[in-house]
């Protein structure tokens, strides 16, 4: 009889320990799955918001430049004089690029390159001297007031904003492209920093969940 009682106690103890572990594993698994889902969604929305803010920031800086060019154009405007835009590019574009700390490429109405703050990119054949066809269609044919999208040079992905320049009569005289080459590096650094902060928080949450699961499992199996 004593052997049977000992066997029963051992079985009951094993059953309780197994139940405790199942409860603990179940709770920790649920927490981990929730954290992975929340983390994935957070990173996704962070990426979307980050891109939106950078796109808007680049567009606003571009607008400051095109506003300055249009003021210069108005000051030296001569009716039916096609060289005003070209003359401004020759005399002021490098200065404007330095003042606003922004790279820029200027194109005529046919999409041919007139000026670049980074001419080596074009001289080296890394980029065509013709404007991006998607941006050109958006601005000239579809009538967009601005256009921002992703572009590639080799393996480098970057964002580029395109804005038209208008004369005092409101007619377009050319297009300015504002590339931002540091986007990928900055977003990777920011996401890495964000992930490190997120992981630190998640480690604390997992430890808390583990301790809570031990306590809950003991409370549940105690009556047994």
C-alpha atoms as a PDB file:
ATOM      1  CA  UNK A   1       0.000   0.000   0.000  1.00  0.00           C
ATOM      2  CA  UNK A   2       2.828   2.368   0.871  1.00  0.00           C
ATOM      3  CA  UNK A   3       4.455   1.718  -2.508  1.00  0.00           C
ATOM      4  CA  UNK A   4       1.180   2.515  -4.262  1.00  0.00           C
ATOM      5  CA  UNK A   5       0.801   5.739  -2.234  1.00  0.00           C
ATOM      6  CA  UNK A   6       4.356   6.792  -3.046  1.00  0.00           C
ATOM      7  CA  UNK A   7       3.748   6.052  -6.729  1.00  0.00           C
ATOM      8  CA  UNK A   8       0.538   8.057  -6.659  1.00  0.00           C
ATOM      9  CA  UNK A   9       2.259  11.028  -5.011  1.00  0.00           C
ATOM     10  CA  UNK A  10       5.075  10.884  -7.567  1.00  0.00           C
ATOM     11  CA  UNK A  11       2.573  10.764 -10.423  1.00  0.00           C
ATOM     12  CA  UNK A  12       0.578  13.638  -8.925  1.00  0.00           C
ATOM     13  CA  UNK A  13       3.759  15.673  -8.401  1.00  0.00           C
ATOM     14  CA  UNK A  14       4.836  14.979 -11.996  1.00  0.00           C
ATOM     15  CA  UNK A  15       1.385  15.935 -13.275  1.00  0.00           C
ATOM     16  CA  UNK A  16       1.441  19.217 -11.326  1.00  0.00           C
ATOM     17  CA  UNK A  17       4.971  20.058 -12.493  1.00  0.00           C
ATOM     18  CA  UNK A  18       4.014  19.267 -16.083  1.00  0.00           C
ATOM     19  CA  UNK A  19       0.877  21.425 -15.825  1.00  0.00           C
ATOM     20  CA  UNK A  20       2.901  24.279 -14.338  1.00  0.00           C
ATOM     21  CA  UNK A  21       5.390  24.102 -17.178  1.00  0.00           C
ATOM     22  CA  UNK A  22       2.613  23.962 -19.764  1.00  0.00           C
ATOM     23  CA  UNK A  23       1.003  27.066 -18.263  1.00  0.00           C
ATOM     24  CA  UNK A  24       4.350  28.875 -18.131  1.00  0.00           C
ATOM     25  CA  UNK A  25       5.273  27.935 -21.706  1.00  0.00           C
ATOM     26  CA  UNK A  26       1.809  28.900 -22.941  1.00  0.00           C
ATOM     27  CA  UNK A  27       1.914  32.335 -21.282  1.00  0.00           C
ATOM     28  CA  UNK A  28       5.476  33.103 -22.380  1.00  0.00           C
ATOM     29  CA  UNK A  29       4.697  31.933 -25.954  1.00  0.00           C
ATOM     30  CA  UNK A  30       1.662  34.202 -26.121  1.00  0.00           C
ATOM     31  CA  UNK A  31       3.716  37.138 -24.869  1.00  0.00           C
ATOM     32  CA  UNK A  32       6.500  36.423 -27.385  1.00  0.00           C
ATOM     33  CA  UNK A  33       4.060  36.126 -30.312  1.00  0.00           C
ATOM     34  CA  UNK A  34       2.356  39.374 -29.250  1.00  0.00           C
ATOM     35  CA  UNK A  35       5.694  41.172 -28.956  1.00  0.00           C
ATOM     36  CA  UNK A  36       6.840  39.954 -32.396  1.00  0.00           C
ATOM     37  CA  UNK A  37       3.579  41.115 -34.000  1.00  0.00           C
ATOM     38  CA  UNK A  38       3.629  44.468 -32.206  1.00  0.00           C
ATOM     39  CA  UNK A  39       7.327  44.933 -33.027  1.00  0.00           C
ATOM     40  CA  UNK A  40       6.794  44.153 -36.724  1.00  0.00           C
ATOM     41  CA  UNK A  41       3.856  46.549 -36.985  1.00  0.00           C
ATOM     42  CA  UNK A  42       5.758  49.254 -35.085  1.00  0.00           C
ATOM     43  CA  UNK A  43       8.773  48.977 -37.414  1.00  0.00           C
ATOM     44  CA  UNK A  44       6.500  49.046 -40.474  1.00  0.00           C
ATOM     45  CA  UNK A  45       4.673  52.204 -39.360  1.00  0.00           C
ATOM     46  CA  UNK A  46       7.944  53.770 -38.209  1.00  0.00           C
ATOM     47  CA  UNK A  47       9.383  53.202 -41.684  1.00  0.00           C
ATOM     48  CA  UNK A  48       6.305  54.648 -43.409  1.00  0.00           C
ATOM     49  CA  UNK A  49       6.245  57.716 -41.153  1.00  0.00           C
ATOM     50  CA  UNK A  50       9.998  58.214 -41.494  1.00  0.00           C
ATOM     51  CA  UNK A  51       9.769  58.150 -45.298  1.00  0.00           C
ATOM     52  CA  UNK A  52       6.836  60.567 -45.263  1.00  0.00           C
ATOM     53  CA  UNK A  53       8.678  63.055 -43.038  1.00  0.00           C
ATOM     54  CA  UNK A  54      11.849  62.885 -45.153  1.00  0.00           C
ATOM     55  CA  UNK A  55       9.876  63.293 -48.379  1.00  0.00           C
ATOM     56  CA  UNK A  56       8.048  66.340 -47.004  1.00  0.00           C
ATOM     57  CA  UNK A  57      11.245  67.837 -45.595  1.00  0.00           C
ATOM     58  CA  UNK A  58      13.048  67.427 -48.944  1.00  0.00           C
ATOM     59  CA  UNK A  59      10.091  68.906 -50.837  1.00  0.00           C
ATOM     60  CA  UNK A  60       9.905  71.932 -48.523  1.00  0.00           C
ATOM     61  CA  UNK A  61      13.628  72.615 -48.886  1.00  0.00           C
ATOM     62  CA  UNK A  62      13.241  72.277 -52.646  1.00  0.00           C
ATOM     63  CA  UNK A  63      10.368  74.765 -52.610  1.00  0.00           C
ATOM     64  CA  UNK A  64      12.595  77.279 -50.801  1.00  0.00           C
ATOM     65  CA  UNK A  65      15.144  76.950 -53.610  1.00  0.00           C
ATOM     66  CA  UNK A  66      12.621  77.213 -56.453  1.00  0.00           C
ATOM     67  CA  UNK A  67      11.012  80.242 -54.743  1.00  0.00           C
ATOM     68  CA  UNK A  68      14.448  81.909 -54.623  1.00  0.00           C
ATOM     69  CA  UNK A  69      15.064  81.091 -58.296  1.00  0.00           C
ATOM     70  CA  UNK A  70      11.676  82.478 -59.314  1.00  0.00           C
ATOM     71  CA  UNK A  71      12.423  85.716 -57.437  1.00  0.00           C
ATOM     72  CA  UNK A  72      15.750  86.014 -59.277  1.00  0.00           C
ATOM     73  CA  UNK A  73      13.941  85.210 -62.524  1.00  0.00           C
ATOM     74  CA  UNK A  74      11.391  87.967 -61.910  1.00  0.00           C
ATOM     75  CA  UNK A  75      14.169  90.475 -61.225  1.00  0.00           C
ATOM     76  CA  UNK A  76      15.889  89.762 -64.537  1.00  0.00           C
ATOM     77  CA  UNK A  77      12.839  88.786 -66.578  1.00  0.00           C
ATOM     78  CA  UNK A  78      12.739  89.870 -70.213  1.00  0.00           C
ATOM     79  CA  UNK A  79       9.737  88.907 -72.363  1.00  0.00           C
ATOM     80  CA  UNK A  80      10.549  86.197 -74.930  1.00  0.00           C
ATOM     81  CA  UNK A  81      14.087  85.843 -73.601  1.00  0.00           C
ATOM     82  CA  UNK A  82      14.955  82.157 -73.367  1.00  0.00           C
ATOM     83  CA  UNK A  83      18.339  82.581 -71.661  1.00  0.00           C
ATOM     84  CA  UNK A  84      17.126  84.004 -68.323  1.00  0.00           C
ATOM     85  CA  UNK A  85      16.784  80.597 -66.663  1.00  0.00           C
ATOM     86  CA  UNK A  86      20.148  79.426 -68.035  1.00  0.00           C
ATOM     87  CA  UNK A  87      21.886  82.615 -66.880  1.00  0.00           C
ATOM     88  CA  UNK A  88      20.481  82.233 -63.364  1.00  0.00           C
ATOM     89  CA  UNK A  89      21.696  78.633 -63.264  1.00  0.00           C
ATOM     90  CA  UNK A  90      25.200  79.679 -64.291  1.00  0.00           C
ATOM     91  CA  UNK A  91      25.464  82.555 -61.841  1.00  0.00           C
ATOM     92  CA  UNK A  92      23.426  81.491 -58.804  1.00  0.00           C
ATOM     93  CA  UNK A  93      22.757  77.756 -58.622  1.00  0.00           C
ATOM     94  CA  UNK A  94      26.048  76.774 -56.993  1.00  0.00           C
ATOM     95  CA  UNK A  95      25.565  79.500 -54.404  1.00  0.00           C
ATOM     96  CA  UNK A  96      21.959  78.429 -53.742  1.00  0.00           C
ATOM     97  CA  UNK A  97      23.055  74.802 -53.343  1.00  0.00           C
ATOM     98  CA  UNK A  98      25.558  75.852 -50.679  1.00  0.00           C
ATOM     99  CA  UNK A  99      23.163  78.227 -48.900  1.00  0.00           C
ATOM    100  CA  UNK A 100      20.389  75.640 -48.629  1.00  0.00           C
ATOM    101  CA  UNK A 101      22.862  72.729 -48.141  1.00  0.00           C
ATOM    102  CA  UNK A 102      21.115  70.649 -50.767  1.00  0.00           C
ATOM    103  CA  UNK A 103      22.161  68.884 -53.962  1.00  0.00           C
ATOM    104  CA  UNK A 104      20.293  69.855 -57.102  1.00  0.00           C
ATOM    105  CA  UNK A 105      20.073  69.171 -60.810  1.00  0.00           C
ATOM    106  CA  UNK A 106      18.391  71.594 -63.206  1.00  0.00           C
ATOM    107  CA  UNK A 107      16.756  70.584 -66.488  1.00  0.00           C
ATOM    108  CA  UNK A 108      15.258  72.528 -69.370  1.00  0.00           C
ATOM    109  CA  UNK A 109      11.693  72.039 -70.599  1.00  0.00           C
ATOM    110  CA  UNK A 110      12.799  69.108 -72.745  1.00  0.00           C
ATOM    111  CA  UNK A 111      14.326  67.337 -69.761  1.00  0.00           C
ATOM    112  CA  UNK A 112      17.968  67.958 -70.705  1.00  0.00           C
ATOM    113  CA  UNK A 113      20.464  68.635 -67.917  1.00  0.00           C
ATOM    114  CA  UNK A 114      21.572  72.266 -67.610  1.00  0.00           C
ATOM    115  CA  UNK A 115      23.294  72.300 -64.224  1.00  0.00           C
ATOM    116  CA  UNK A 116      24.263  69.919 -61.421  1.00  0.00           C
ATOM    117  CA  UNK A 117      25.814  70.535 -58.010  1.00  0.00           C
ATOM    118  CA  UNK A 118      27.372  67.055 -58.402  1.00  0.00           C
ATOM    119  CA  UNK A 119      28.554  67.052 -62.049  1.00  0.00           C
ATOM    120  CA  UNK A 120      30.895  64.067 -61.542  1.00  0.00           C
ATOM    121  CA  UNK A 121      27.866  61.761 -61.252  1.00  0.00           C
ATOM    122  CA  UNK A 122      26.905  62.653 -64.822  1.00  0.00           C
ATOM    123  CA  UNK A 123      30.443  62.895 -66.203  1.00  0.00           C
ATOM    124  CA  UNK A 124      31.161  59.409 -64.895  1.00  0.00           C
ATOM    125  CA  UNK A 125      28.071  58.038 -66.600  1.00  0.00           C
ATOM    126  CA  UNK A 126      26.469  56.987 -63.312  1.00  0.00           C
ATOM    127  CA  UNK A 127      23.310  58.884 -64.210  1.00  0.00           C
ATOM    128  CA  UNK A 128      21.696  59.970 -67.464  1.00  0.00           C
ATOM    129  CA  UNK A 129      21.780  63.650 -68.432  1.00  0.00           C
ATOM    130  CA  UNK A 130      18.070  63.341 -69.208  1.00  0.00           C
ATOM    131  CA  UNK A 131      15.499  63.868 -66.485  1.00  0.00           C
ATOM    132  CA  UNK A 132      13.860  60.812 -64.938  1.00  0.00           C
ATOM    133  CA  UNK A 133      10.999  59.924 -67.365  1.00  0.00           C
ATOM    134  CA  UNK A 134       8.508  59.148 -64.582  1.00  0.00           C
ATOM    135  CA  UNK A 135       9.108  62.519 -62.928  1.00  0.00           C
ATOM    136  CA  UNK A 136       9.032  64.282 -66.308  1.00  0.00           C
ATOM    137  CA  UNK A 137       5.647  62.773 -67.149  1.00  0.00           C
ATOM    138  CA  UNK A 138       4.275  63.663 -63.708  1.00  0.00           C
ATOM    139  CA  UNK A 139       5.334  67.318 -63.966  1.00  0.00           C
ATOM    140  CA  UNK A 140       4.865  68.099 -67.667  1.00  0.00           C
ATOM    141  CA  UNK A 141       2.009  65.851 -68.806  1.00  0.00           C
ATOM    142  CA  UNK A 142       0.084  65.062 -65.621  1.00  0.00           C
ATOM    143  CA  UNK A 143       0.490  68.591 -64.246  1.00  0.00           C
ATOM    144  CA  UNK A 144       1.853  67.716 -60.808  1.00  0.00           C
ATOM    145  CA  UNK A 145       3.082  70.710 -58.790  1.00  0.00           C
ATOM    146  CA  UNK A 146       5.774  68.476 -57.261  1.00  0.00           C
ATOM    147  CA  UNK A 147       6.871  64.868 -57.464  1.00  0.00           C
ATOM    148  CA  UNK A 148       8.854  62.751 -54.971  1.00  0.00           C
ATOM    149  CA  UNK A 149       9.900  59.140 -55.459  1.00  0.00           C
ATOM    150  CA  UNK A 150      12.748  56.651 -54.956  1.00  0.00           C
ATOM    151  CA  UNK A 151      15.569  56.374 -57.474  1.00  0.00           C
ATOM    152  CA  UNK A 152      18.728  54.286 -57.854  1.00  0.00           C
ATOM    153  CA  UNK A 153      22.355  54.973 -58.757  1.00  0.00           C
ATOM    154  CA  UNK A 154      24.057  51.594 -58.945  1.00  0.00           C
ATOM    155  CA  UNK A 155      23.156  49.918 -55.644  1.00  0.00           C
ATOM    156  CA  UNK A 156      22.406  53.211 -53.893  1.00  0.00           C
ATOM    157  CA  UNK A 157      18.727  53.885 -53.290  1.00  0.00           C
ATOM    158  CA  UNK A 158      17.753  57.492 -52.570  1.00  0.00           C
ATOM    159  CA  UNK A 159      14.769  59.816 -52.684  1.00  0.00           C
ATOM    160  CA  UNK A 160      14.464  62.552 -55.268  1.00  0.00           C
ATOM    161  CA  UNK A 161      12.119  65.524 -55.328  1.00  0.00           C
ATOM    162  CA  UNK A 162      11.217  67.301 -58.577  1.00  0.00           C
ATOM    163  CA  UNK A 163       9.744  70.799 -58.798  1.00  0.00           C
ATOM    164  CA  UNK A 164       8.995  73.093 -61.748  1.00  0.00           C
ATOM    165  CA  UNK A 165      10.350  76.641 -62.045  1.00  0.00           C
ATOM    166  CA  UNK A 166       7.958  79.280 -63.406  1.00  0.00           C
ATOM    167  CA  UNK A 167       8.437  82.714 -64.912  1.00  0.00           C
ATOM    168  CA  UNK A 168       6.415  85.782 -63.752  1.00  0.00           C
ATOM    169  CA  UNK A 169       3.644  84.840 -66.200  1.00  0.00           C
ATOM    170  CA  UNK A 170       3.229  81.472 -64.492  1.00  0.00           C
ATOM    171  CA  UNK A 171       4.712  79.510 -67.399  1.00  0.00           C
ATOM    172  CA  UNK A 172       7.136  76.677 -66.675  1.00  0.00           C
ATOM    173  CA  UNK A 173      10.711  77.331 -67.779  1.00  0.00           C
ATOM    174  CA  UNK A 174      12.451  74.265 -66.372  1.00  0.00           C
ATOM    175  CA  UNK A 175      12.611  71.660 -63.646  1.00  0.00           C
ATOM    176  CA  UNK A 176      14.806  71.228 -60.577  1.00  0.00           C
ATOM    177  CA  UNK A 177      15.633  67.836 -59.103  1.00  0.00           C
ATOM    178  CA  UNK A 178      16.688  67.555 -55.437  1.00  0.00           C
ATOM    179  CA  UNK A 179      18.272  64.162 -54.674  1.00  0.00           C
ATOM    180  CA  UNK A 180      18.843  63.062 -51.077  1.00  0.00           C
ATOM    181  CA  UNK A 181      21.551  60.407 -51.049  1.00  0.00           C
ATOM    182  CA  UNK A 182      21.764  59.926 -47.273  1.00  0.00           C
ATOM    183  CA  UNK A 183      18.261  58.495 -46.826  1.00  0.00           C
ATOM    184  CA  UNK A 184      19.159  54.789 -46.711  1.00  0.00           C
ATOM    185  CA  UNK A 185      22.080  55.273 -44.306  1.00  0.00           C
ATOM    186  CA  UNK A 186      20.049  57.501 -41.985  1.00  0.00           C
ATOM    187  CA  UNK A 187      16.978  55.296 -41.937  1.00  0.00           C
ATOM    188  CA  UNK A 188      19.077  52.177 -41.213  1.00  0.00           C
ATOM    189  CA  UNK A 189      20.849  53.954 -38.342  1.00  0.00           C
ATOM    190  CA  UNK A 190      17.585  55.280 -36.922  1.00  0.00           C
ATOM    191  CA  UNK A 191      15.854  51.898 -37.196  1.00  0.00           C
ATOM    192  CA  UNK A 192      18.856  50.173 -35.558  1.00  0.00           C
ATOM    193  CA  UNK A 193      18.702  52.610 -32.642  1.00  0.00           C
ATOM    194  CA  UNK A 194      14.937  52.174 -32.430  1.00  0.00           C
ATOM    195  CA  UNK A 195      15.262  48.357 -32.471  1.00  0.00           C
ATOM    196  CA  UNK A 196      17.862  48.403 -29.684  1.00  0.00           C
ATOM    197  CA  UNK A 197      15.513  50.454 -27.513  1.00  0.00           C
ATOM    198  CA  UNK A 198      12.630  48.146 -28.406  1.00  0.00           C
ATOM    199  CA  UNK A 199      14.649  44.999 -27.588  1.00  0.00           C
ATOM    200  CA  UNK A 200      15.596  46.397 -24.159  1.00  0.00           C
ATOM    201  CA  UNK A 201      11.930  47.025 -23.380  1.00  0.00           C
ATOM    202  CA  UNK A 202      10.940  43.584 -24.678  1.00  0.00           C
ATOM    203  CA  UNK A 203      13.568  41.818 -22.534  1.00  0.00           C
ATOM    204  CA  UNK A 204      12.054  43.436 -19.438  1.00  0.00           C
ATOM    205  CA  UNK A 205       8.550  42.477 -20.578  1.00  0.00           C
ATOM    206  CA  UNK A 206       9.599  38.856 -21.220  1.00  0.00           C
ATOM    207  CA  UNK A 207      11.247  38.623 -17.787  1.00  0.00           C
ATOM    208  CA  UNK A 208       8.087  40.058 -16.244  1.00  0.00           C
ATOM    209  CA  UNK A 209       5.954  37.576 -18.195  1.00  0.00           C
ATOM    210  CA  UNK A 210       8.162  34.675 -17.073  1.00  0.00           C
ATOM    211  CA  UNK A 211       7.854  35.648 -13.401  1.00  0.00           C
ATOM    212  CA  UNK A 212       4.116  36.188 -13.779  1.00  0.00           C
ATOM    213  CA  UNK A 213       3.684  32.800 -15.467  1.00  0.00           C
ATOM    214  CA  UNK A 214       5.442  31.046 -12.577  1.00  0.00           C
ATOM    215  CA  UNK A 215       3.167  32.750 -10.052  1.00  0.00           C
ATOM    216  CA  UNK A 216      -0.022  32.116 -12.071  1.00  0.00           C
ATOM    217  CA  UNK A 217       0.863  28.466 -12.656  1.00  0.00           C
ATOM    218  CA  UNK A 218       1.397  27.916  -8.921  1.00  0.00           C
ATOM    219  CA  UNK A 219      -1.911  29.579  -8.077  1.00  0.00           C
ATOM    220  CA  UNK A 220      -3.784  27.456 -10.646  1.00  0.00           C
ATOM    221  CA  UNK A 221      -2.277  24.087  -9.619  1.00  0.00           C
ATOM    222  CA  UNK A 222      -2.332  24.801  -5.858  1.00  0.00           C
ATOM    223  CA  UNK A 223      -5.841  23.329  -5.380  1.00  0.00           C
ATOM    224  CA  UNK A 224      -4.602  20.139  -7.073  1.00  0.00           C
END
